[in-house]
Amino acid sequence: MEDQKMKKFIVDDQFWRLFPEAQIDTLTLRGIDNHDKARDHAYFQQLLDEAARESEQFMTEGIFRKNPVVDQWRQAYRQFKTKKGARSSIEALLKRVDQGRSFSPIFPLVDIYNSISLRYGVPAGGEDLNAIQGNLHLGEAKGGEDFFPHGAEENSPALPGEVIYYDDQGAVCRCFNWREAQRTELTESTTDSVLVIESINAEQAKRADEAIEALHQLCKERFKVPGHIQKVTRDNREIQLIK
């Protein structure tokens, strides 16, 4: 069995040339019970509904794409090769709110980080640590990294120059936090995970710092585990995920 103590998260040099002000806030959780329980649906539904209402603060423009949160991430995606139609995860969530569509509970970790993403206007996601092969990286794809998105049976490999999370086996998440690999995605069986909140400028980073603390608090309340917050920046490009 792989030695979990050696697992790291490394943000590659190429990434910082594209996004020198970026920051990745991380929360590592161990020993959680992520199973969906019917008795908790009302709690998570309320959490998502309240977060959706709070997210309206980020949609002050009449034209959706002109809202700063949306526009900033669209500009970021223009700086690297993307698959047509790729959008930041926070845009996808805000679009649902803008269209008057509601959210339904999935399972605890996803519901919690989606609620935080909406409340603070930041992209958030997570991976199953035990499914990561070797170290987790964020950087530019060489091209051809294997990627099977959720529910897919065919490979959809990363494009050269695309910003991806990856490990020794292939792409973990494409275009920042746009689309998730089924190999490493969070499931109800996940016990150890790393959650990430992404930002690309100082204003976003301030909200991300608040968001990771709120995420940590919700996870402590729900899972009864301490969790561990760390931050990756241009001056601190590597962290150890499991100590």
Protein backbone atom coordinates (compact mmCIF):
# COMPACT_ATOMS: atom_id res chain seq x y z
CA MET A 1 0.00 0.00 0.00
CA GLU A 2 1.28 3.45 -0.92
CA ASP A 3 2.78 5.47 1.93
CA GLN A 4 0.24 8.25 2.40
CA LYS A 5 2.75 10.28 4.42
CA MET A 6 4.68 11.10 1.26
CA LYS A 7 1.76 12.63 -0.67
CA LYS A 8 2.26 16.28 -1.68
CA PHE A 9 0.48 19.01 -3.60
CA ILE A 10 2.83 20.86 -5.94
CA VAL A 11 1.96 23.83 -8.15
CA ASP A 12 4.35 23.83 -11.11
CA ASP A 13 6.49 26.75 -12.26
CA GLN A 14 4.62 27.15 -15.56
CA PHE A 15 1.41 27.89 -13.68
CA TRP A 16 2.92 30.87 -11.86
CA ARG A 17 4.06 32.41 -15.13
CA LEU A 18 0.41 32.52 -16.17
CA PHE A 19 -1.08 33.44 -12.80
CA PRO A 20 1.53 35.08 -10.53
CA GLU A 21 -1.11 36.35 -8.05
CA ALA A 22 -2.91 33.03 -7.78
CA GLN A 23 -3.55 31.27 -4.49
CA ILE A 24 -4.82 27.76 -3.80
CA ASP A 25 -6.30 27.30 -0.33
CA THR A 26 -6.51 23.66 0.74
CA LEU A 27 -8.30 21.73 3.46
CA THR A 28 -7.23 18.15 4.12
CA LEU A 29 -9.67 15.85 5.92
CA ARG A 30 -9.01 12.34 7.21
CA GLY A 31 -11.33 9.68 8.59
CA ILE A 32 -14.66 11.15 7.52
CA ASP A 33 -18.01 9.48 6.93
CA ASN A 34 -19.26 10.98 3.67
CA HIS A 35 -22.35 8.82 3.26
CA ASP A 36 -25.61 10.46 2.27
CA LYS A 37 -28.22 10.00 4.97
CA ALA A 38 -31.88 10.75 4.27
CA ARG A 39 -32.36 12.29 7.70
CA ASP A 40 -29.81 15.00 6.79
CA HIS A 41 -31.41 16.09 3.51
CA ALA A 42 -33.34 18.96 5.09
CA TYR A 43 -30.12 20.35 6.61
CA PHE A 44 -28.19 20.23 3.34
CA GLN A 45 -31.11 21.57 1.34
CA GLN A 46 -31.29 24.58 3.65
CA LEU A 47 -27.51 25.03 3.42
CA LEU A 48 -27.67 25.11 -0.39
CA ASP A 49 -30.77 27.30 -0.54
CA GLU A 50 -29.26 29.91 1.80
CA ALA A 51 -25.98 29.87 -0.12
CA ALA A 52 -27.80 30.39 -3.42
CA ARG A 53 -29.54 33.44 -1.99
CA GLU A 54 -26.25 34.83 -0.70
CA SER A 55 -24.61 34.31 -4.10
CA GLU A 56 -26.90 36.94 -5.61
CA GLN A 57 -24.46 39.55 -4.27
CA PHE A 58 -22.08 38.49 -7.07
CA MET A 59 -24.64 39.11 -9.81
CA THR A 60 -25.18 42.85 -9.87
CA GLU A 61 -24.95 43.29 -13.65
CA GLY A 62 -27.92 42.82 -15.95
CA ILE A 63 -25.81 40.81 -18.39
CA PHE A 64 -24.54 37.66 -16.67
CA ARG A 65 -21.10 37.52 -18.30
CA LYS A 66 -20.32 41.10 -17.19
CA ASN A 67 -20.44 40.25 -13.49
CA PRO A 68 -16.87 40.55 -12.15
CA VAL A 69 -16.61 37.00 -10.78
CA VAL A 70 -17.70 35.57 -14.12
CA ASP A 71 -15.65 37.96 -16.24
CA GLN A 72 -12.42 37.49 -14.26
CA TRP A 73 -12.51 33.72 -14.65
CA ARG A 74 -13.43 33.93 -18.34
CA GLN A 75 -10.39 36.15 -18.86
CA ALA A 76 -8.25 33.65 -16.95
CA TYR A 77 -9.44 30.81 -19.19
CA ARG A 78 -8.37 32.80 -22.26
CA GLN A 79 -4.76 32.58 -21.10
CA PHE A 80 -4.43 28.86 -21.81
CA LYS A 81 -5.74 26.18 -24.14
CA THR A 82 -9.22 24.99 -23.18
CA LYS A 83 -11.82 22.63 -24.52
CA LYS A 84 -14.64 24.56 -26.16
CA GLY A 85 -17.27 25.56 -23.62
CA ALA A 86 -15.07 25.09 -20.56
CA ARG A 87 -16.07 27.43 -17.75
CA SER A 88 -15.00 27.89 -14.14
CA SER A 89 -17.03 25.90 -11.63
CA ILE A 90 -18.16 29.09 -9.89
CA GLU A 91 -19.65 30.35 -13.16
CA ALA A 92 -21.60 27.11 -13.54
CA LEU A 93 -23.04 27.48 -10.04
CA LEU A 94 -23.90 31.15 -10.45
CA LYS A 95 -25.51 30.43 -13.81
CA ARG A 96 -27.95 28.05 -12.11
CA VAL A 97 -28.90 30.77 -9.64
CA ASP A 98 -29.22 33.35 -12.41
CA GLN A 99 -31.58 31.01 -14.26
CA GLY A 100 -33.69 30.45 -11.14
CA ARG A 101 -32.71 26.80 -10.86
CA SER A 102 -32.38 25.20 -7.43
CA PHE A 103 -29.77 22.83 -6.01
CA SER A 104 -30.46 19.38 -4.59
CA PRO A 105 -28.24 17.60 -2.04
CA ILE A 106 -25.72 15.13 -3.49
CA PHE A 107 -23.67 13.99 -0.52
CA PRO A 108 -22.07 15.88 2.38
CA LEU A 109 -18.66 16.95 1.06
CA VAL A 110 -19.98 18.17 -2.28
CA ASP A 111 -22.95 19.94 -0.69
CA ILE A 112 -20.67 21.68 1.79
CA TYR A 113 -18.09 22.91 -0.70
CA ASN A 114 -20.78 23.96 -3.20
CA SER A 115 -22.46 26.03 -0.49
CA ILE A 116 -19.15 27.72 0.35
CA SER A 117 -18.41 28.32 -3.32
CA LEU A 118 -21.73 30.10 -3.73
CA ARG A 119 -21.49 32.10 -0.50
CA TYR A 120 -18.02 33.48 -1.28
CA GLY A 121 -18.01 33.54 -5.09
CA VAL A 122 -14.97 31.29 -5.44
CA PRO A 123 -14.33 28.02 -7.32
CA ALA A 124 -14.15 25.02 -4.99
CA GLY A 125 -13.65 21.31 -5.49
CA GLY A 126 -12.19 18.19 -3.96
CA GLU A 127 -10.38 14.92 -4.57
CA ASP A 128 -10.25 11.55 -2.90
CA LEU A 129 -6.72 11.42 -1.49
CA ASN A 130 -6.57 7.65 -1.56
CA ALA A 131 -7.18 7.67 -5.32
CA ILE A 132 -4.32 10.07 -6.08
CA GLN A 133 -1.32 8.25 -7.56
CA GLY A 134 1.91 9.82 -6.32
CA ASN A 135 1.81 13.58 -5.82
CA LEU A 136 -0.97 15.92 -6.88
CA HIS A 137 0.13 18.72 -9.22
CA LEU A 138 -1.42 21.84 -10.73
CA GLY A 139 0.23 22.98 -13.93
CA GLU A 140 0.23 22.96 -17.72
CA ALA A 141 -0.64 19.73 -19.52
CA LYS A 142 1.86 18.25 -21.92
CA GLY A 143 -1.13 16.97 -23.86
CA GLY A 144 -2.60 13.51 -23.95
CA GLU A 145 -2.92 12.98 -20.19
CA ASP A 146 -5.64 10.38 -19.69
CA PHE A 147 -8.93 11.76 -18.45
CA PHE A 148 -12.24 10.00 -17.98
CA PRO A 149 -14.87 12.48 -16.73
CA HIS A 150 -17.72 11.45 -14.47
CA GLY A 151 -19.82 8.74 -16.10
CA ALA A 152 -17.70 8.52 -19.27
CA GLU A 153 -16.43 5.34 -20.86
CA GLU A 154 -14.19 7.05 -23.42
CA ASN A 155 -10.95 8.87 -22.79
CA SER A 156 -11.01 12.68 -23.14
CA PRO A 157 -7.31 13.54 -22.80
CA ALA A 158 -5.99 16.95 -21.78
CA LEU A 159 -4.85 19.45 -24.42
CA PRO A 160 -1.26 20.73 -24.65
CA GLY A 161 -0.93 23.85 -22.51
CA GLU A 162 -4.21 23.30 -20.67
CA VAL A 163 -4.16 24.12 -16.94
CA ILE A 164 -4.91 20.86 -15.13
CA TYR A 165 -4.60 19.07 -11.82
CA TYR A 166 -2.74 15.82 -12.46
CA ASP A 167 -0.94 12.92 -10.81
CA ASP A 168 1.25 10.03 -11.95
CA GLN A 169 -1.66 8.35 -13.74
CA GLY A 170 -3.14 11.26 -15.68
CA ALA A 171 -5.37 14.30 -15.43
CA VAL A 172 -7.35 14.69 -12.21
CA CYS A 173 -9.29 17.85 -13.05
CA ARG A 174 -9.24 19.81 -16.31
CA CYS A 175 -9.21 23.59 -16.86
CA PHE A 176 -8.63 24.45 -13.21
CA ASN A 177 -11.74 23.06 -11.52
CA TRP A 178 -13.96 22.73 -14.62
CA ARG A 179 -14.39 18.98 -14.96
CA GLU A 180 -13.57 16.12 -12.61
CA ALA A 181 -12.02 12.72 -13.31
CA GLN A 182 -14.14 9.80 -12.12
CA ARG A 183 -10.92 8.09 -10.98
CA THR A 184 -10.30 10.58 -8.18
CA GLU A 185 -13.71 12.17 -7.63
CA LEU A 186 -15.27 12.31 -4.20
CA THR A 187 -17.80 9.58 -3.47
CA GLU A 188 -19.84 8.48 -0.50
CA SER A 189 -17.04 6.01 0.27
CA THR A 190 -14.38 8.74 0.49
CA THR A 191 -12.68 8.80 3.89
CA ASP A 192 -9.64 11.02 3.17
CA SER A 193 -9.91 14.09 0.95
CA VAL A 194 -8.32 17.34 -0.08
CA LEU A 195 -10.62 20.28 -0.82
CA VAL A 196 -9.36 23.29 -2.78
CA ILE A 197 -10.48 26.88 -3.22
CA GLU A 198 -8.95 28.76 -6.16
CA SER A 199 -8.24 32.47 -6.60
CA ILE A 200 -6.25 34.41 -9.19
CA ASN A 201 -6.03 37.94 -7.80
CA ALA A 202 -5.82 39.72 -4.46
CA GLU A 203 -9.54 40.47 -4.19
CA GLN A 204 -10.45 36.85 -4.84
CA ALA A 205 -7.73 35.67 -2.44
CA LYS A 206 -9.28 37.67 0.39
CA ARG A 207 -12.62 35.96 -0.18
CA ALA A 208 -10.88 32.59 -0.55
CA ASP A 209 -9.21 33.00 2.85
CA GLU A 210 -12.60 33.63 4.44
CA ALA A 211 -14.12 30.77 2.47
CA ILE A 212 -11.56 28.16 3.55
CA GLU A 213 -12.13 29.04 7.21
CA ALA A 214 -15.90 28.72 6.75
CA LEU A 215 -15.38 25.43 4.91
CA HIS A 216 -13.19 24.18 7.73
CA GLN A 217 -15.82 25.07 10.32
CA LEU A 218 -18.65 23.34 8.46
CA CYS A 219 -16.53 20.22 7.97
CA LYS A 220 -15.55 20.10 11.65
CA GLU A 221 -19.19 20.36 12.65
CA ARG A 222 -20.30 17.71 10.19
CA PHE A 223 -17.49 15.14 10.26
CA LYS A 224 -16.08 15.65 13.77
CA VAL A 225 -12.48 15.61 12.50
CA PRO A 226 -9.96 18.45 12.92
CA GLY A 227 -8.97 19.05 9.29
CA HIS A 228 -5.83 20.90 8.21
CA ILE A 229 -5.72 24.20 6.27
CA GLN A 230 -2.75 25.08 4.07
CA LYS A 231 -2.11 27.67 1.37
CA VAL A 232 -0.12 27.45 -1.87
CA THR A 233 1.25 30.67 -3.38
CA ARG A 234 4.10 31.67 -5.69
CA ASP A 235 6.33 31.88 -2.60
CA ASN A 236 5.13 28.55 -1.18
CA ARG A 237 4.63 26.21 -4.11
CA GLU A 238 4.60 22.83 -2.38
CA ILE A 239 2.79 21.44 0.64
CA GLN A 240 2.54 18.04 2.26
CA LEU A 241 -1.07 16.90 2.17
CA ILE A 242 -0.89 14.13 4.76
CA LYS A 243 1.30 14.39 7.84
